[in-house]
Amino acid sequence: MLFCTRSAAVYGIDADLVEVEVDLVPSRGESDATASVTIVGLPDLAVRESRERIRAAINNSGFFFPFSRTTVNLAPADVRKEGASFDLPIALGILGANGDLGALTGLEKVLAVGELALDGRVRPVRGVLPIAMRARQARIEHLLVPEENAAEAAVVTGVNVYPVADLRRAVETALALESGEASQRPAPLRLDPHALMAHRDEYAVDFREVRGQHAAKRALEVASAGAHNILLIGPPGSGKTMLAKRIPTILPPLEFEAALELTKIYSVAGLTGRVGLVTQRPFRSPHHTISDAGLIGGGAVPRPGEVSLAHHGVLFLDELPEFDRSVLEVLRQPLEDQKVTISRAAMSLTFPSSFMLVAAMNPCPCGFWNDPTRECHCTPLQIRRYVGRISGPLLDRIDIHIDVPAVKFRELTGEGPTAESSADIRARVMQARERQRARFQGEGIFANAQMQPRHIRRFCRIDAECERMLENAVARLGLSARAIDRILKVSRTIADLEGTTEIRPAHIAEAVGYRSLDRVYWT
């Protein structure tokens, strides 16, 4: 007997439908030795191994595994299938072909995914959110998923999500959905997206906890308002990491569509858990021993790396010169294009990577060069080699460079004005972002840092006085053409924070000040 079920395979952050066709040919013998299961359709090792998992799961769930020559075809046959998510649909297909699902010849309205344990339990799998979105697109009514993945899939409206704990429950649910009356069908899982988004502004840290560092806070406010990349340079213990960890608290809250896109990435990476929807902007801080594949993404079937996991959020690289130079150089393309394309012999996949790069470093190997209170023991050659690990092209792609000096004792003990809270800073950042949203309506960008040359010529016009100031800065600092564009972008952001439509000399002066440190350390 031939029985058909439906499943899906994840490629990149999208999913494609897979037809699971099961054909049983009764064998003449009555022993397990005469029964065989053959899986075709370009399965990988995990899919081929599913034969033994499915056999044990069916027997331990109270069903009878058929003594037949069983052929399972995963169509389309020319696309590689990987992972254990096909266990559940293959098991349902075998039971259907064996007659355990009554007179049904297939599950037309149901799409199933899940890994089977030997005792019949259904374990979670990756990529359930893009699978649910693909099921909705294909007008498939019902989706059977593991209980741990149910909240993630239920975020998608237009498809009924049924969590299943084990194979027997999956069989009962599939029978009720395909052959039962509408009134007898189990209730699908429903989630309120607004309730999920209600916790997006809850953070355990706040800028009020950071003493001093007013110049660095101002630079971070400007960077957050325009989504600019920023480099923090200062001695150990000056608060660089502390400042960086609080950047998500002043970024605008995630909108639902952005949260959905981010959750797709985390779903493919298997990092959603039972949350259902990622509602807070990510803060990713990989160790400096990370490989280029870990940072950008990779693998035989490419998976997202740290630059994609930081999508719509912050990628923080602490101790920047300690990263391998080849790893840092692969950041150039995602910084410019806000996406990463990974090509392999079998396929080429693109992951989104629109993130804000925040980097921190010491000025020298010991960390105390130019520090007025501590003596530096590094030679000029050691300092040049240390900062020289960061290439000029990468440095040019970082809009703001800010010095973070050691905090004075009086500021640490609480004397002086009270620091601003993250809520106060975020209010100004959100006002600046609203101005940018209105300005770039229909342009396909949402922040000043994403402006292309045509946008700069249109939205960053300056008067004669600003031109003279910028010309003097170029002559004095030896700035590149890319650095000039980034100064204009930062100037536009500073003007947005002040609520002015034109760029003024004070804005140019502040933006140039954010580009002067690289001439101190890299000359």
Protein backbone atom coordinates (compact mmCIF):
# COMPACT_ATOMS: atom_id res chain seq x y z
CA MET A 1 0.00 0.00 0.00
CA LEU A 2 1.16 3.54 -0.76
CA PHE A 3 0.69 6.30 1.83
CA CYS A 4 1.75 9.97 1.58
CA THR A 5 2.48 12.49 4.33
CA ARG A 6 3.92 15.99 4.29
CA SER A 7 6.95 17.51 5.94
CA ALA A 8 9.44 20.30 5.27
CA ALA A 9 13.19 20.87 5.07
CA VAL A 10 14.96 24.05 6.14
CA TYR A 11 17.53 25.70 3.86
CA GLY A 12 19.03 28.91 5.20
CA ILE A 13 16.21 30.70 7.01
CA ASP A 14 13.50 29.44 4.65
CA ALA A 15 11.79 26.06 4.25
CA ASP A 16 10.70 23.90 1.32
CA LEU A 17 7.93 21.31 1.35
CA VAL A 18 8.87 17.64 1.25
CA GLU A 19 6.48 14.86 0.23
CA VAL A 20 7.04 11.66 2.23
CA GLU A 21 5.89 8.66 0.19
CA VAL A 22 5.82 5.25 1.91
CA ASP A 23 5.32 2.03 -0.02
CA LEU A 24 4.88 -1.36 1.69
CA VAL A 25 5.45 -4.62 -0.16
CA PRO A 26 4.51 -7.62 2.04
CA SER A 27 7.41 -10.00 2.52
CA ARG A 28 7.04 -13.76 2.40
CA GLY A 29 8.80 -14.42 5.67
CA GLU A 30 7.60 -13.78 9.20
CA SER A 31 10.82 -12.61 10.86
CA ASP A 32 12.50 -9.25 11.30
CA ALA A 33 15.32 -10.50 9.10
CA THR A 34 13.06 -10.38 6.07
CA ALA A 35 11.76 -6.85 6.83
CA SER A 36 13.73 -3.92 5.42
CA VAL A 37 13.38 -0.14 5.24
CA THR A 38 14.98 1.80 2.41
CA ILE A 39 15.01 5.62 2.40
CA VAL A 40 15.69 7.37 -0.90
CA GLY A 41 15.62 11.02 -1.98
CA LEU A 42 19.14 12.19 -1.08
CA PRO A 43 18.94 11.59 2.71
CA ASP A 44 21.94 12.38 4.87
CA LEU A 45 23.27 10.07 7.58
CA ALA A 46 20.85 11.33 10.25
CA VAL A 47 17.88 10.60 7.97
CA ARG A 48 19.17 7.12 7.05
CA GLU A 49 19.66 6.30 10.73
CA SER A 50 16.02 7.19 11.40
CA ARG A 51 15.03 3.65 10.31
CA GLU A 52 16.06 2.16 13.64
CA ARG A 53 14.62 5.02 15.69
CA ILE A 54 11.28 4.75 13.90
CA ARG A 55 11.14 0.95 14.25
CA ALA A 56 11.71 1.14 18.02
CA ALA A 57 9.33 4.11 18.46
CA ILE A 58 6.49 2.32 16.63
CA ASN A 59 6.91 -0.91 18.59
CA ASN A 60 7.24 0.88 21.97
CA SER A 61 4.16 3.01 21.28
CA GLY A 62 1.87 -0.01 21.07
CA PHE A 63 1.76 -0.30 17.28
CA PHE A 64 3.00 -3.12 15.07
CA PHE A 65 5.94 -2.50 12.75
CA PRO A 66 5.09 -4.23 9.44
CA PHE A 67 7.04 -7.27 8.21
CA SER A 68 7.42 -5.72 4.77
CA ARG A 69 9.88 -4.32 2.34
CA THR A 70 9.34 -0.63 3.06
CA THR A 71 10.48 2.08 0.65
CA VAL A 72 10.40 5.71 1.79
CA ASN A 73 10.85 8.43 -0.84
CA LEU A 74 11.53 12.03 0.17
CA ALA A 75 10.48 14.20 -2.75
CA PRO A 76 11.78 16.20 -4.50
CA ALA A 77 14.50 13.60 -4.90
CA ASP A 78 17.19 15.96 -6.19
CA VAL A 79 17.35 18.12 -3.03
CA ARG A 80 19.42 16.93 -0.07
CA LYS A 81 17.50 16.20 3.16
CA GLU A 82 19.24 16.47 6.52
CA GLY A 83 18.37 16.17 10.19
CA ALA A 84 16.01 14.09 12.29
CA SER A 85 12.88 16.19 11.68
CA PHE A 86 11.55 13.60 9.18
CA ASP A 87 11.19 10.88 11.86
CA LEU A 88 7.59 11.76 12.72
CA PRO A 89 6.20 12.06 9.16
CA ILE A 90 7.96 8.83 8.09
CA ALA A 91 6.50 7.00 11.11
CA LEU A 92 3.03 8.33 10.31
CA GLY A 93 3.50 7.21 6.70
CA ILE A 94 4.50 3.68 7.74
CA LEU A 95 1.53 3.41 10.10
CA GLY A 96 -0.79 4.77 7.42
CA ALA A 97 0.46 2.31 4.83
CA ASN A 98 0.05 -0.49 7.38
CA GLY A 99 -3.61 0.44 7.97
CA ASP A 100 -3.26 1.96 11.45
CA LEU A 101 -4.80 5.22 10.21
CA GLY A 102 -7.95 3.57 8.91
CA ALA A 103 -8.96 4.00 5.29
CA LEU A 104 -6.84 7.12 4.74
CA THR A 105 -4.42 7.06 1.82
CA GLY A 106 -2.55 10.16 2.89
CA LEU A 107 -2.44 13.21 5.16
CA GLU A 108 -3.28 16.05 2.77
CA LYS A 109 -4.17 18.69 5.35
CA VAL A 110 -1.43 17.92 7.86
CA LEU A 111 2.29 18.75 7.87
CA ALA A 112 4.40 17.05 10.54
CA VAL A 113 7.94 17.50 11.85
CA GLY A 114 9.72 16.00 14.83
CA GLU A 115 12.47 13.67 16.00
CA LEU A 116 11.39 10.38 17.60
CA ALA A 117 12.93 8.89 20.72
CA LEU A 118 13.08 5.11 21.05
CA ASP A 119 10.13 5.15 23.46
CA GLY A 120 7.97 7.16 21.03
CA ARG A 121 8.44 10.62 22.53
CA VAL A 122 8.69 13.50 20.05
CA ARG A 123 11.80 15.62 20.53
CA PRO A 124 12.26 19.25 19.37
CA VAL A 125 13.86 20.14 16.06
CA ARG A 126 15.33 23.25 14.46
CA GLY A 127 13.61 25.63 12.06
CA VAL A 128 9.98 25.17 13.10
CA LEU A 129 9.12 28.86 12.56
CA PRO A 130 10.15 28.99 8.86
CA ILE A 131 8.37 25.63 8.41
CA ALA A 132 5.17 27.11 9.84
CA MET A 133 5.46 30.12 7.55
CA ARG A 134 5.97 27.83 4.54
CA ALA A 135 2.93 25.75 5.55
CA ARG A 136 0.81 28.90 5.66
CA GLN A 137 2.09 29.93 2.26
CA ALA A 138 1.17 26.50 0.83
CA ARG A 139 -2.31 26.71 2.42
CA ILE A 140 -1.74 23.66 4.61
CA GLU A 141 -4.27 23.83 7.42
CA HIS A 142 -2.66 21.86 10.27
CA LEU A 143 0.85 21.50 11.67
CA LEU A 144 2.02 18.78 14.08
CA VAL A 145 5.14 19.85 16.00
CA PRO A 146 6.97 18.80 19.19
CA GLU A 147 5.67 20.40 22.39
CA GLU A 148 8.91 22.38 22.90
CA ASN A 149 8.50 24.00 19.46
CA ALA A 150 4.76 24.68 19.66
CA ALA A 151 4.96 28.26 20.96
CA GLU A 152 7.44 29.14 18.23
CA ALA A 153 5.18 27.80 15.47
CA ALA A 154 2.01 29.30 16.96
CA VAL A 155 3.40 32.80 16.40
CA VAL A 156 2.41 32.33 12.74
CA THR A 157 -1.26 33.10 12.14
CA GLY A 158 -3.24 31.26 9.46
CA VAL A 159 -2.11 27.73 10.35
CA ASN A 160 -3.40 25.51 13.19
CA VAL A 161 -0.56 24.30 15.42
CA TYR A 162 -0.97 21.10 17.46
CA PRO A 163 1.77 20.18 19.96
CA VAL A 164 2.37 16.42 20.23
CA ALA A 165 4.28 14.77 23.06
CA ASP A 166 4.59 11.28 21.57
CA LEU A 167 3.85 9.19 18.51
CA ARG A 168 0.52 7.84 19.81
CA ARG A 169 -0.73 11.40 20.41
CA ALA A 170 0.40 12.37 16.92
CA VAL A 171 -1.57 9.46 15.41
CA GLU A 172 -4.71 10.39 17.35
CA THR A 173 -4.44 14.04 16.34
CA ALA A 174 -3.81 13.23 12.67
CA LEU A 175 -6.83 10.92 12.57
CA ALA A 176 -9.05 13.55 14.17
CA LEU A 177 -7.88 16.26 11.75
CA GLU A 178 -8.22 14.19 8.57
CA SER A 179 -11.30 12.07 9.16
CA GLY A 180 -13.12 13.50 12.20
CA GLU A 181 -15.83 16.13 12.32
CA ALA A 182 -14.82 19.72 12.81
CA SER A 183 -16.45 19.72 16.25
CA GLN A 184 -14.39 16.70 17.30
CA ARG A 185 -11.02 18.18 16.35
CA PRO A 186 -8.69 19.18 19.19
CA ALA A 187 -8.21 22.87 19.84
CA PRO A 188 -5.04 24.30 18.25
CA LEU A 189 -2.55 26.32 20.26
CA ARG A 190 -3.17 30.06 20.06
CA LEU A 191 -0.81 32.83 21.13
CA ASP A 192 -1.36 36.57 21.41
CA PRO A 193 1.51 38.37 19.61
CA HIS A 194 0.84 41.55 21.61
CA ALA A 195 1.26 39.65 24.87
CA LEU A 196 4.56 38.22 23.61
CA MET A 197 5.84 41.69 22.68
CA ALA A 198 4.90 43.10 26.09
CA HIS A 199 8.23 41.97 27.62
CA ARG A 200 10.49 43.42 24.95
CA ASP A 201 11.58 46.40 27.10
CA GLU A 202 12.61 44.42 30.18
CA TYR A 203 16.38 44.54 30.75
CA ALA A 204 18.43 43.66 33.81
CA VAL A 205 20.95 46.48 33.23
CA ASP A 206 20.67 50.27 32.92
CA PHE A 207 22.93 53.17 31.93
CA ARG A 208 22.23 54.75 35.32
CA GLU A 209 24.62 52.19 36.79
CA VAL A 210 27.58 53.57 34.79
CA ARG A 211 29.47 56.27 36.68
CA GLY A 212 31.20 59.00 34.70
CA GLN A 213 32.17 58.41 31.05
CA HIS A 214 29.88 61.20 29.80
CA ALA A 215 31.73 61.53 26.48
CA ALA A 216 31.46 57.78 25.85
CA LYS A 217 27.75 57.81 26.72
CA ARG A 218 27.19 60.65 24.29
CA ALA A 219 29.04 58.73 21.56
CA LEU A 220 26.94 55.62 22.24
CA GLU A 221 23.77 57.70 22.06
CA VAL A 222 24.81 59.07 18.65
CA ALA A 223 25.77 55.57 17.47
CA SER A 224 22.43 54.10 18.60
CA ALA A 225 20.43 56.93 17.04
CA GLY A 226 21.92 56.31 13.60
CA ALA A 227 22.87 52.59 13.89
CA HIS A 228 26.55 53.54 13.50
CA ASN A 229 29.46 51.22 14.24
CA ILE A 230 31.61 52.33 17.16
CA LEU A 231 35.06 51.54 18.58
CA LEU A 232 35.82 52.06 22.29
CA ILE A 233 39.51 52.54 23.16
CA GLY A 234 40.71 52.72 26.75
CA PRO A 235 42.70 51.08 29.55
CA PRO A 236 41.52 47.93 31.36
CA GLY A 237 38.74 48.56 33.86
CA SER A 238 37.56 51.83 32.34
CA GLY A 239 34.05 50.47 31.65
CA LYS A 240 34.14 49.60 27.95
CA THR A 241 32.37 46.26 28.34
CA MET A 242 29.93 47.68 30.87
CA LEU A 243 28.94 50.43 28.44
CA ALA A 244 28.62 48.04 25.51
CA LYS A 245 26.30 45.63 27.37
CA ARG A 246 23.84 48.47 27.97
CA ILE A 247 23.49 49.53 24.34
CA PRO A 248 20.40 47.32 23.69
CA THR A 249 18.60 49.20 26.48
CA ILE A 250 18.71 52.46 24.49
CA LEU A 251 17.93 51.02 21.06
CA PRO A 252 14.32 51.33 19.83
CA PRO A 253 12.09 48.34 20.72
CA LEU A 254 11.76 45.60 18.12
CA GLU A 255 8.68 45.72 15.93
CA PHE A 256 6.72 42.50 15.40
CA GLU A 257 7.94 41.89 11.83
CA ALA A 258 11.57 42.43 12.88
CA ALA A 259 11.07 40.07 15.84
CA LEU A 260 9.62 37.46 13.48
CA GLU A 261 12.62 37.74 11.13
CA LEU A 262 15.04 37.48 14.06
CA THR A 263 13.19 34.47 15.48
CA LYS A 264 13.53 32.68 12.12
CA ILE A 265 17.31 32.95 12.42
CA TYR A 266 17.31 31.73 16.02
CA SER A 267 14.92 28.92 15.09
CA VAL A 268 17.29 27.64 12.40
CA ALA A 269 20.16 27.85 14.89
CA GLY A 270 18.11 25.97 17.52
CA LEU A 271 18.24 28.79 20.07
CA THR A 272 14.58 29.66 20.60
CA GLY A 273 13.69 27.03 23.21
CA ARG A 274 10.18 27.49 24.58
CA VAL A 275 10.21 31.29 24.22
CA GLY A 276 8.22 31.31 20.99
CA LEU A 277 9.28 34.78 19.84
CA VAL A 278 12.56 36.64 20.32
CA THR A 279 11.35 40.08 21.41
CA GLN A 280 14.55 41.78 22.60
CA ARG A 281 17.37 43.04 20.44
CA PRO A 282 20.22 40.53 20.59
CA PHE A 283 23.59 41.24 22.14
CA ARG A 284 26.17 38.79 20.82
CA SER A 285 29.67 38.77 22.28
CA PRO A 286 31.79 35.98 20.74
CA HIS A 287 35.18 35.10 22.22
CA HIS A 288 38.25 36.25 20.31
CA THR A 289 39.16 32.62 19.51
CA ILE A 290 36.12 32.30 17.20
CA SER A 291 36.72 31.07 13.64
CA ASP A 292 35.59 32.85 10.50
CA ALA A 293 32.90 30.17 9.98
CA GLY A 294 31.62 30.75 13.52
CA LEU A 295 31.47 34.50 12.93
CA ILE A 296 30.01 34.55 9.42
CA GLY A 297 28.30 31.16 9.31
CA GLY A 298 29.12 27.97 7.47
CA GLY A 299 29.03 24.21 7.43
CA ALA A 300 28.26 21.60 4.79
CA VAL A 301 24.70 22.90 4.91
CA PRO A 302 25.37 26.52 5.95
CA ARG A 303 23.98 27.72 9.27
CA PRO A 304 23.90 31.30 10.57
CA GLY A 305 26.93 32.70 12.36
CA GLU A 306 27.29 35.42 14.98
CA VAL A 307 26.76 38.27 12.50
CA SER A 308 23.33 36.85 11.65
CA LEU A 309 22.46 36.03 15.26
CA ALA A 310 23.14 39.72 15.99
CA HIS A 311 20.63 40.79 13.30
CA HIS A 312 18.68 43.89 14.45
CA GLY A 313 20.96 44.05 17.48
CA VAL A 314 24.56 44.46 18.65
CA LEU A 315 27.66 42.45 17.77
CA PHE A 316 30.26 43.20 20.46
CA LEU A 317 33.89 42.29 19.78
CA ASP A 318 35.86 42.74 23.00
CA GLU A 319 39.65 42.87 22.81
CA LEU A 320 39.43 43.53 19.07
CA PRO A 321 43.18 43.14 18.25
CA GLU A 322 43.14 39.65 19.80
CA PHE A 323 40.84 38.36 17.04
CA ASP A 324 42.56 36.62 14.16
CA ARG A 325 43.08 39.10 11.34
CA SER A 326 41.48 36.82 8.76
CA VAL A 327 38.37 36.61 10.97
CA LEU A 328 38.10 40.39 11.19
CA GLU A 329 38.52 40.84 7.45
CA VAL A 330 35.45 38.74 6.67
CA LEU A 331 33.38 41.39 8.46
CA ARG A 332 33.80 43.82 5.56
CA GLN A 333 31.04 42.45 3.35
CA PRO A 334 28.30 42.12 6.03
CA LEU A 335 29.13 45.61 7.34
CA GLU A 336 28.51 47.05 3.88
CA ASP A 337 25.68 44.85 2.56
CA GLN A 338 23.78 43.90 5.77
CA LYS A 339 23.70 40.30 4.54
CA VAL A 340 26.00 37.30 4.21
CA THR A 341 26.07 34.94 1.24
CA ILE A 342 27.65 31.53 1.89
CA SER A 343 28.34 29.40 -1.18
CA ARG A 344 28.92 25.67 -1.15
CA ALA A 345 29.09 23.08 -3.92
CA ALA A 346 25.51 21.96 -3.24
CA MET A 347 23.88 25.32 -2.56
CA SER A 348 24.27 29.05 -1.96
CA LEU A 349 22.39 30.60 0.96
CA THR A 350 21.96 34.18 2.12
CA PHE A 351 21.47 35.19 5.76
CA PRO A 352 20.49 38.71 6.91
CA SER A 353 23.08 40.48 9.08
CA SER A 354 22.01 44.05 9.74
CA PHE A 355 23.78 44.66 13.04
CA MET A 356 25.49 47.44 14.92
CA LEU A 357 29.18 46.65 15.42
CA VAL A 358 30.58 47.66 18.81
CA ALA A 359 34.27 46.94 19.35
CA ALA A 360 36.53 47.54 22.35
CA MET A 361 40.30 47.46 22.69
CA ASN A 362 43.22 48.55 24.82
CA PRO A 363 45.57 51.18 23.37
CA CYS A 364 48.57 48.86 23.73
CA PRO A 365 49.41 45.32 24.95
CA CYS A 366 49.67 46.39 28.60
CA GLY A 367 46.71 48.74 28.22
CA PHE A 368 48.15 51.94 29.74
CA TRP A 369 49.60 53.92 26.84
CA ASN A 370 48.67 57.62 27.23
CA ASP A 371 47.21 56.92 30.67
CA PRO A 372 48.13 59.78 33.06
CA THR A 373 48.04 57.59 36.18
CA ARG A 374 49.81 54.40 35.07
CA GLU A 375 53.12 53.82 33.32
CA CYS A 376 53.15 51.99 30.00
CA HIS A 377 55.90 49.38 29.58
CA CYS A 378 55.35 48.73 25.87
CA THR A 379 57.86 49.74 23.23
CA PRO A 380 56.74 51.80 20.22
CA LEU A 381 57.24 48.74 18.01
CA GLN A 382 55.00 46.61 20.25
CA ILE A 383 52.29 49.28 20.17
CA ARG A 384 52.44 49.54 16.38
CA ARG A 385 52.22 45.77 15.99
CA TYR A 386 49.31 45.60 18.44
CA VAL A 387 47.10 48.23 16.82
CA GLY A 388 48.31 47.16 13.36
CA ARG A 389 46.32 43.94 13.71
CA ILE A 390 43.27 46.01 12.73
CA SER A 391 43.41 46.87 9.04
CA GLY A 392 42.71 50.31 7.64
CA PRO A 393 39.73 49.18 5.51
CA LEU A 394 38.02 47.68 8.56
CA LEU A 395 38.77 50.76 10.63
CA ASP A 396 37.26 52.97 7.92
CA ARG A 397 34.00 51.04 8.25
CA ILE A 398 33.70 51.99 11.93
CA ASP A 399 32.00 55.38 12.04
CA ILE A 400 32.83 56.48 15.60
CA HIS A 401 36.07 56.09 17.56
CA ILE A 402 35.88 57.22 21.18
CA ASP A 403 38.42 57.31 24.01
CA VAL A 404 37.24 55.74 27.28
CA PRO A 405 39.66 56.91 30.01
CA ALA A 406 39.83 55.51 33.52
CA VAL A 407 37.06 56.79 35.82
CA LYS A 408 38.07 59.14 38.65
CA PHE A 409 37.55 58.02 42.23
CA ARG A 410 35.05 60.77 43.07
CA GLU A 411 32.82 59.70 40.21
CA LEU A 412 32.96 56.09 41.37
CA THR A 413 31.97 56.99 44.95
CA GLY A 414 28.78 58.70 43.81
CA GLU A 415 29.69 62.37 44.08
CA GLY A 416 28.55 64.56 41.22
CA PRO A 417 25.38 64.62 39.12
CA THR A 418 23.16 61.54 38.86
CA ALA A 419 23.64 59.57 35.66
CA GLU A 420 20.85 59.44 33.08
CA SER A 421 18.76 56.30 32.85
CA SER A 422 18.48 54.17 29.74
CA ALA A 423 14.84 55.24 29.39
CA ASP A 424 15.82 58.93 29.10
CA ILE A 425 18.49 58.21 26.49
CA ARG A 426 16.21 55.85 24.58
CA ALA A 427 13.52 58.53 24.30
CA ARG A 428 15.93 60.80 22.41
CA VAL A 429 17.18 57.92 20.27
CA MET A 430 13.63 56.97 19.30
CA GLN A 431 12.81 60.57 18.33
CA ALA A 432 15.88 60.65 16.08
CA ARG A 433 14.91 57.29 14.54
CA GLU A 434 11.39 58.58 13.82
CA ARG A 435 12.88 61.50 11.89
CA GLN A 436 15.00 59.07 9.90
CA ARG A 437 12.00 56.82 9.25
CA ALA A 438 10.06 59.76 7.82
CA ARG A 439 13.06 60.92 5.77
CA PHE A 440 13.77 57.52 4.22
CA GLN A 441 10.16 56.63 3.46
CA GLY A 442 10.22 54.47 0.33
CA GLU A 443 14.04 54.36 0.18
CA GLY A 444 14.41 50.83 1.61
CA ILE A 445 16.60 51.92 4.55
CA PHE A 446 15.73 52.85 8.13
CA ALA A 447 18.85 54.52 9.63
CA ASN A 448 21.49 57.06 8.67
CA ALA A 449 24.29 54.48 8.77
CA GLN A 450 22.67 52.65 5.84
CA MET A 451 22.75 55.65 3.50
CA GLN A 452 24.34 55.07 0.10
CA PRO A 453 26.22 57.82 -1.81
CA ARG A 454 23.03 58.94 -3.54
CA HIS A 455 21.33 59.35 -0.17
CA ILE A 456 24.30 61.29 1.23
CA ARG A 457 24.18 63.77 -1.66
CA ARG A 458 20.46 64.24 -1.13
CA PHE A 459 20.07 64.29 2.65
CA CYS A 460 23.49 65.49 3.92
CA ARG A 461 23.88 68.81 2.17
CA ILE A 462 26.15 71.27 3.98
CA ASP A 463 26.82 75.00 3.65
CA ALA A 464 30.09 76.72 2.80
CA GLU A 465 31.25 77.01 6.40
CA CYS A 466 30.73 73.29 6.99
CA GLU A 467 32.59 72.52 3.76
CA ARG A 468 35.62 74.55 4.89
CA MET A 469 35.63 72.80 8.26
CA LEU A 470 35.41 69.38 6.60
CA GLU A 471 38.15 70.29 4.10
CA ASN A 472 40.49 71.34 6.92
CA ALA A 473 39.79 68.07 8.74
CA VAL A 474 40.58 66.04 5.62
CA ALA A 475 43.88 67.88 5.13
CA ARG A 476 44.86 67.62 8.80
CA LEU A 477 43.85 63.99 9.43
CA GLY A 478 44.34 62.50 5.96
CA LEU A 479 40.83 61.06 5.83
CA SER A 480 39.72 58.71 3.06
CA ALA A 481 36.66 59.22 0.86
CA ARG A 482 34.82 56.56 2.88
CA ALA A 483 35.69 58.38 6.12
CA ILE A 484 34.28 61.62 4.71
CA ASP A 485 30.99 59.90 3.90
CA ARG A 486 30.81 58.49 7.39
CA ILE A 487 31.48 61.89 8.94
CA LEU A 488 28.52 63.25 6.98
CA LYS A 489 26.33 60.35 8.13
CA VAL A 490 27.26 60.91 11.77
CA SER A 491 26.68 64.67 11.36
CA ARG A 492 23.21 63.91 10.02
CA THR A 493 22.52 61.78 13.10
CA ILE A 494 23.72 64.48 15.50
CA ALA A 495 21.42 66.97 13.75
CA ASP A 496 18.53 64.50 14.11
CA LEU A 497 19.18 64.23 17.85
CA GLU A 498 18.94 68.02 18.08
CA GLY A 499 15.83 68.07 15.91
CA THR A 500 17.30 70.31 13.19
CA THR A 501 16.82 69.79 9.47
CA GLU A 502 20.18 71.22 8.38
CA ILE A 503 23.69 70.11 9.31
CA ARG A 504 25.53 72.84 11.22
CA PRO A 505 29.25 73.42 11.86
CA ALA A 506 28.91 72.16 15.44
CA HIS A 507 27.58 68.86 14.11
CA ILE A 508 30.51 68.53 11.69
CA ALA A 509 32.97 69.36 14.47
CA GLU A 510 31.58 66.67 16.77
CA ALA A 511 31.56 64.09 13.97
CA VAL A 512 35.17 64.90 13.04
CA GLY A 513 36.11 64.50 16.71
CA TYR A 514 34.80 60.94 16.53
CA ARG A 515 37.26 60.21 13.67
CA SER A 516 40.44 61.65 15.18
CA LEU A 517 41.50 58.80 17.49
CA ASP A 518 42.49 56.52 14.63
CA ARG A 519 45.09 59.10 13.61
CA VAL A 520 46.49 59.06 17.16
CA TYR A 521 46.86 55.28 17.42
CA TRP A 522 47.40 54.25 13.78
CA THR A 523 50.04 56.78 12.67
